[in-house]
N, C-alpha and C. Protein backbone atom coordinates (compact mmCIF):
# COMPACT_ATOMS: atom_id res chain seq x y z
N MET A 1 -54.95 -0.37 -6.35
CA MET A 1 -54.42 -1.10 -7.47
C MET A 1 -52.90 -1.04 -7.42
N GLU A 2 -52.25 -2.19 -7.45
CA GLU A 2 -50.80 -2.25 -7.54
C GLU A 2 -50.43 -2.36 -9.01
N LEU A 3 -49.45 -1.58 -9.42
CA LEU A 3 -49.04 -1.56 -10.81
C LEU A 3 -47.52 -1.54 -10.88
N TYR A 4 -46.98 -2.29 -11.83
CA TYR A 4 -45.54 -2.39 -12.04
C TYR A 4 -45.25 -2.27 -13.52
N THR A 5 -44.02 -1.90 -13.87
CA THR A 5 -43.62 -1.93 -15.28
C THR A 5 -43.36 -3.38 -15.67
N LYS A 6 -43.13 -3.62 -16.94
CA LYS A 6 -42.85 -4.98 -17.41
C LYS A 6 -41.66 -5.59 -16.67
N LYS A 7 -40.64 -4.77 -16.40
CA LYS A 7 -39.44 -5.27 -15.72
C LYS A 7 -39.60 -5.31 -14.20
N GLY A 8 -40.78 -4.96 -13.70
CA GLY A 8 -41.06 -5.09 -12.27
C GLY A 8 -40.84 -3.86 -11.42
N LYS A 9 -40.61 -2.69 -12.03
CA LYS A 9 -40.45 -1.47 -11.25
C LYS A 9 -41.82 -1.04 -10.72
N PRO A 10 -41.92 -0.71 -9.42
CA PRO A 10 -43.21 -0.34 -8.85
C PRO A 10 -43.67 1.03 -9.31
N LEU A 11 -44.97 1.15 -9.53
CA LEU A 11 -45.62 2.41 -9.87
C LEU A 11 -46.69 2.68 -8.82
N GLN A 12 -47.05 3.93 -8.66
CA GLN A 12 -48.12 4.30 -7.73
C GLN A 12 -49.34 4.72 -8.54
N VAL A 13 -50.51 4.31 -8.10
CA VAL A 13 -51.75 4.71 -8.76
C VAL A 13 -52.60 5.46 -7.76
N ARG A 14 -52.99 6.66 -8.11
CA ARG A 14 -53.87 7.49 -7.29
C ARG A 14 -54.98 7.98 -8.20
N SER A 15 -56.20 7.56 -7.88
CA SER A 15 -57.35 7.88 -8.73
C SER A 15 -57.05 7.31 -10.11
N ASN A 16 -57.00 8.13 -11.14
CA ASN A 16 -56.68 7.64 -12.49
C ASN A 16 -55.30 8.09 -12.95
N LYS A 17 -54.44 8.52 -12.02
CA LYS A 17 -53.09 8.97 -12.34
C LYS A 17 -52.07 7.92 -11.93
N VAL A 18 -51.00 7.80 -12.71
CA VAL A 18 -49.92 6.86 -12.45
C VAL A 18 -48.63 7.65 -12.19
N TYR A 19 -47.90 7.27 -11.14
CA TYR A 19 -46.65 7.93 -10.76
C TYR A 19 -45.56 6.89 -10.65
N ASP A 20 -44.31 7.29 -10.89
CA ASP A 20 -43.20 6.36 -10.71
C ASP A 20 -42.88 6.25 -9.22
N LYS A 21 -41.87 5.44 -8.89
CA LYS A 21 -41.52 5.17 -7.50
C LYS A 21 -41.13 6.45 -6.75
N SER A 22 -40.52 7.40 -7.45
CA SER A 22 -40.09 8.64 -6.81
C SER A 22 -41.22 9.66 -6.66
N GLY A 23 -42.39 9.37 -7.25
CA GLY A 23 -43.54 10.26 -7.14
C GLY A 23 -43.75 11.17 -8.33
N LYS A 24 -42.94 11.01 -9.37
CA LYS A 24 -43.09 11.83 -10.59
C LYS A 24 -44.25 11.29 -11.43
N ILE A 25 -45.06 12.20 -11.96
CA ILE A 25 -46.22 11.81 -12.78
C ILE A 25 -45.75 11.07 -14.03
N VAL A 26 -46.36 9.92 -14.28
CA VAL A 26 -46.10 9.12 -15.48
C VAL A 26 -47.20 9.35 -16.49
N GLY A 27 -48.44 9.35 -16.03
CA GLY A 27 -49.55 9.54 -16.95
C GLY A 27 -50.90 9.33 -16.31
N GLN A 28 -51.88 9.31 -17.15
CA GLN A 28 -53.28 9.20 -16.76
C GLN A 28 -53.88 7.96 -17.41
N ILE A 29 -54.65 7.19 -16.63
CA ILE A 29 -55.26 5.97 -17.14
C ILE A 29 -56.56 6.31 -17.86
N LYS A 30 -56.70 5.78 -19.07
CA LYS A 30 -57.95 5.86 -19.83
C LYS A 30 -58.19 4.47 -20.39
N ASN A 31 -59.22 3.81 -19.88
CA ASN A 31 -59.51 2.41 -20.19
C ASN A 31 -58.32 1.57 -19.76
N ASP A 32 -57.66 0.88 -20.67
CA ASP A 32 -56.50 0.05 -20.29
C ASP A 32 -55.19 0.67 -20.74
N LYS A 33 -55.20 1.95 -21.12
CA LYS A 33 -54.00 2.62 -21.60
C LYS A 33 -53.62 3.77 -20.68
N VAL A 34 -52.32 4.12 -20.70
CA VAL A 34 -51.82 5.25 -19.93
C VAL A 34 -51.24 6.25 -20.91
N PHE A 35 -51.61 7.53 -20.73
CA PHE A 35 -51.16 8.61 -21.59
C PHE A 35 -50.43 9.65 -20.75
N GLY A 36 -49.30 10.15 -21.27
CA GLY A 36 -48.51 11.16 -20.57
C GLY A 36 -49.21 12.50 -20.52
N THR A 37 -48.60 13.44 -19.80
CA THR A 37 -49.19 14.78 -19.66
C THR A 37 -49.32 15.49 -20.99
N ASP A 38 -48.53 15.07 -21.98
CA ASP A 38 -48.61 15.66 -23.32
C ASP A 38 -49.65 14.96 -24.20
N GLY A 39 -50.33 13.93 -23.65
CA GLY A 39 -51.35 13.20 -24.39
C GLY A 39 -50.82 12.03 -25.20
N LYS A 40 -49.50 11.81 -25.18
CA LYS A 40 -48.92 10.70 -25.94
C LYS A 40 -49.03 9.38 -25.17
N TYR A 41 -49.15 8.32 -25.93
CA TYR A 41 -49.26 6.96 -25.38
C TYR A 41 -48.00 6.60 -24.59
N VAL A 42 -48.19 6.08 -23.38
CA VAL A 42 -47.08 5.63 -22.54
C VAL A 42 -47.04 4.11 -22.48
N GLY A 43 -48.21 3.48 -22.33
CA GLY A 43 -48.24 2.03 -22.23
C GLY A 43 -49.64 1.50 -22.04
N THR A 44 -49.76 0.19 -22.07
CA THR A 44 -51.02 -0.52 -21.89
C THR A 44 -50.94 -1.31 -20.59
N ILE A 45 -52.01 -1.31 -19.82
CA ILE A 45 -52.06 -2.08 -18.58
C ILE A 45 -52.52 -3.50 -18.90
N VAL A 46 -51.67 -4.46 -18.54
CA VAL A 46 -51.97 -5.88 -18.72
C VAL A 46 -51.82 -6.52 -17.34
N ASP A 47 -52.93 -6.97 -16.77
CA ASP A 47 -52.95 -7.47 -15.39
C ASP A 47 -52.41 -6.37 -14.47
N ASP A 48 -51.27 -6.59 -13.82
CA ASP A 48 -50.72 -5.57 -12.92
C ASP A 48 -49.45 -4.94 -13.49
N ARG A 49 -49.30 -4.97 -14.83
CA ARG A 49 -48.10 -4.45 -15.48
C ARG A 49 -48.42 -3.38 -16.50
N LEU A 50 -47.52 -2.40 -16.60
CA LEU A 50 -47.60 -1.38 -17.64
C LEU A 50 -46.58 -1.74 -18.70
N VAL A 51 -47.05 -1.98 -19.93
CA VAL A 51 -46.22 -2.47 -21.02
C VAL A 51 -46.38 -1.56 -22.23
N TYR A 52 -45.26 -1.20 -22.86
CA TYR A 52 -45.32 -0.41 -24.08
C TYR A 52 -45.52 -1.35 -25.26
N ARG A 53 -46.54 -1.06 -26.07
CA ARG A 53 -46.81 -1.85 -27.27
C ARG A 53 -46.80 -0.91 -28.46
N SER A 54 -45.87 -1.14 -29.37
CA SER A 54 -45.73 -0.25 -30.53
C SER A 54 -47.01 -0.22 -31.37
N SER A 55 -47.78 -1.31 -31.34
CA SER A 55 -49.02 -1.34 -32.11
C SER A 55 -50.06 -0.36 -31.55
N SER A 56 -49.90 0.07 -30.31
CA SER A 56 -50.82 1.03 -29.69
C SER A 56 -50.26 2.45 -29.66
N SER A 57 -49.04 2.63 -30.15
CA SER A 57 -48.36 3.92 -30.02
C SER A 57 -49.01 5.06 -30.81
N THR A 58 -49.92 4.75 -31.71
CA THR A 58 -50.60 5.80 -32.47
C THR A 58 -51.76 6.43 -31.69
N TYR A 59 -52.16 5.81 -30.60
CA TYR A 59 -53.24 6.37 -29.78
C TYR A 59 -52.76 7.64 -29.10
N THR A 60 -53.65 8.62 -28.98
CA THR A 60 -53.35 9.85 -28.25
C THR A 60 -54.55 10.23 -27.40
N SER A 61 -54.31 11.13 -26.48
CA SER A 61 -55.36 11.63 -25.59
C SER A 61 -55.14 13.13 -25.42
N SER A 62 -55.98 13.75 -24.67
CA SER A 62 -55.84 15.18 -24.39
C SER A 62 -54.73 15.41 -23.38
N PRO A 63 -53.94 16.47 -23.54
CA PRO A 63 -52.93 16.81 -22.53
C PRO A 63 -53.61 17.14 -21.20
N PHE A 64 -52.89 16.99 -20.11
CA PHE A 64 -53.42 17.32 -18.79
C PHE A 64 -52.26 17.75 -17.91
N SER A 65 -52.57 18.30 -16.76
CA SER A 65 -51.52 18.67 -15.81
C SER A 65 -51.80 17.98 -14.48
N ALA A 66 -50.75 17.65 -13.78
CA ALA A 66 -50.86 17.01 -12.47
C ALA A 66 -49.59 17.28 -11.69
N SER A 67 -49.72 17.36 -10.38
CA SER A 67 -48.56 17.57 -9.51
C SER A 67 -47.92 16.23 -9.18
N ASN A 68 -46.65 16.27 -8.87
CA ASN A 68 -45.97 15.07 -8.39
C ASN A 68 -46.42 14.78 -6.98
N ILE A 69 -46.18 13.56 -6.50
CA ILE A 69 -46.53 13.17 -5.14
C ILE A 69 -45.28 12.65 -4.44
N SER A 70 -45.40 12.30 -3.17
CA SER A 70 -44.24 11.76 -2.46
C SER A 70 -43.94 10.34 -2.95
N GLY A 71 -42.69 9.95 -2.84
CA GLY A 71 -42.24 8.65 -3.32
C GLY A 71 -42.76 7.50 -2.47
N CYS A 72 -42.52 6.28 -2.92
CA CYS A 72 -42.94 5.09 -2.19
C CYS A 72 -41.76 4.16 -1.98
N MET A 73 -41.90 3.20 -1.10
CA MET A 73 -40.83 2.26 -0.78
C MET A 73 -41.15 0.86 -1.28
N ASN A 74 -42.07 0.69 -2.21
CA ASN A 74 -42.43 -0.64 -2.71
C ASN A 74 -41.23 -1.30 -3.36
N ALA A 75 -41.14 -2.61 -3.19
CA ALA A 75 -40.04 -3.39 -3.77
C ALA A 75 -40.33 -3.74 -5.23
N ASN A 76 -39.28 -3.99 -5.98
CA ASN A 76 -39.43 -4.44 -7.37
C ASN A 76 -39.99 -5.85 -7.41
N ARG A 77 -40.56 -6.22 -8.53
CA ARG A 77 -41.04 -7.57 -8.78
C ARG A 77 -40.24 -8.17 -9.92
N MET A 78 -40.45 -9.45 -10.15
CA MET A 78 -39.75 -10.13 -11.25
C MET A 78 -40.27 -9.64 -12.60
N VAL A 79 -39.46 -9.80 -13.63
CA VAL A 79 -39.84 -9.43 -14.99
C VAL A 79 -41.02 -10.30 -15.42
N ALA A 80 -42.00 -9.68 -16.11
CA ALA A 80 -43.17 -10.40 -16.58
C ALA A 80 -42.94 -10.91 -17.99
N ALA A 81 -43.41 -12.12 -18.25
CA ALA A 81 -43.28 -12.72 -19.59
C ALA A 81 -44.53 -12.42 -20.39
N ILE A 82 -44.70 -11.17 -20.80
CA ILE A 82 -45.83 -10.75 -21.62
C ILE A 82 -45.31 -9.97 -22.82
N SER A 83 -46.11 -9.93 -23.87
CA SER A 83 -45.64 -9.24 -25.08
C SER A 83 -45.60 -7.74 -24.85
N GLY A 84 -44.62 -7.10 -25.44
CA GLY A 84 -44.44 -5.66 -25.30
C GLY A 84 -43.09 -5.34 -24.71
N GLU A 85 -42.79 -4.06 -24.60
CA GLU A 85 -41.50 -3.58 -24.11
C GLU A 85 -41.68 -2.83 -22.80
N GLU A 86 -40.57 -2.55 -22.13
CA GLU A 86 -40.56 -1.72 -20.94
C GLU A 86 -40.95 -0.30 -21.36
N PRO A 87 -41.92 0.33 -20.69
CA PRO A 87 -42.28 1.70 -21.07
C PRO A 87 -41.16 2.68 -20.70
N VAL A 88 -41.04 3.72 -21.49
CA VAL A 88 -40.04 4.76 -21.25
C VAL A 88 -40.77 6.03 -20.84
N PHE A 89 -40.41 6.53 -19.68
CA PHE A 89 -41.00 7.80 -19.21
C PHE A 89 -40.01 8.55 -18.39
């Protein structure tokens, strides 16, 4: 699965974990949402984009731990015209 932020920054997906381009853990996928290691909402997956939606920010999950992985060389993509904001992590 290829995944990018709303502004087109590449993310890495391994199993149900999401990592940024440098390999730092972003969160864990549960259904169509991503939750950080602290269990807080990070964003919603829409097609191949991770988008922060304030209407979903009240969702929480259980905290978890995960190791970082090696970085990737994927290129950025164009900004997506979908509702929501760029996720902050």
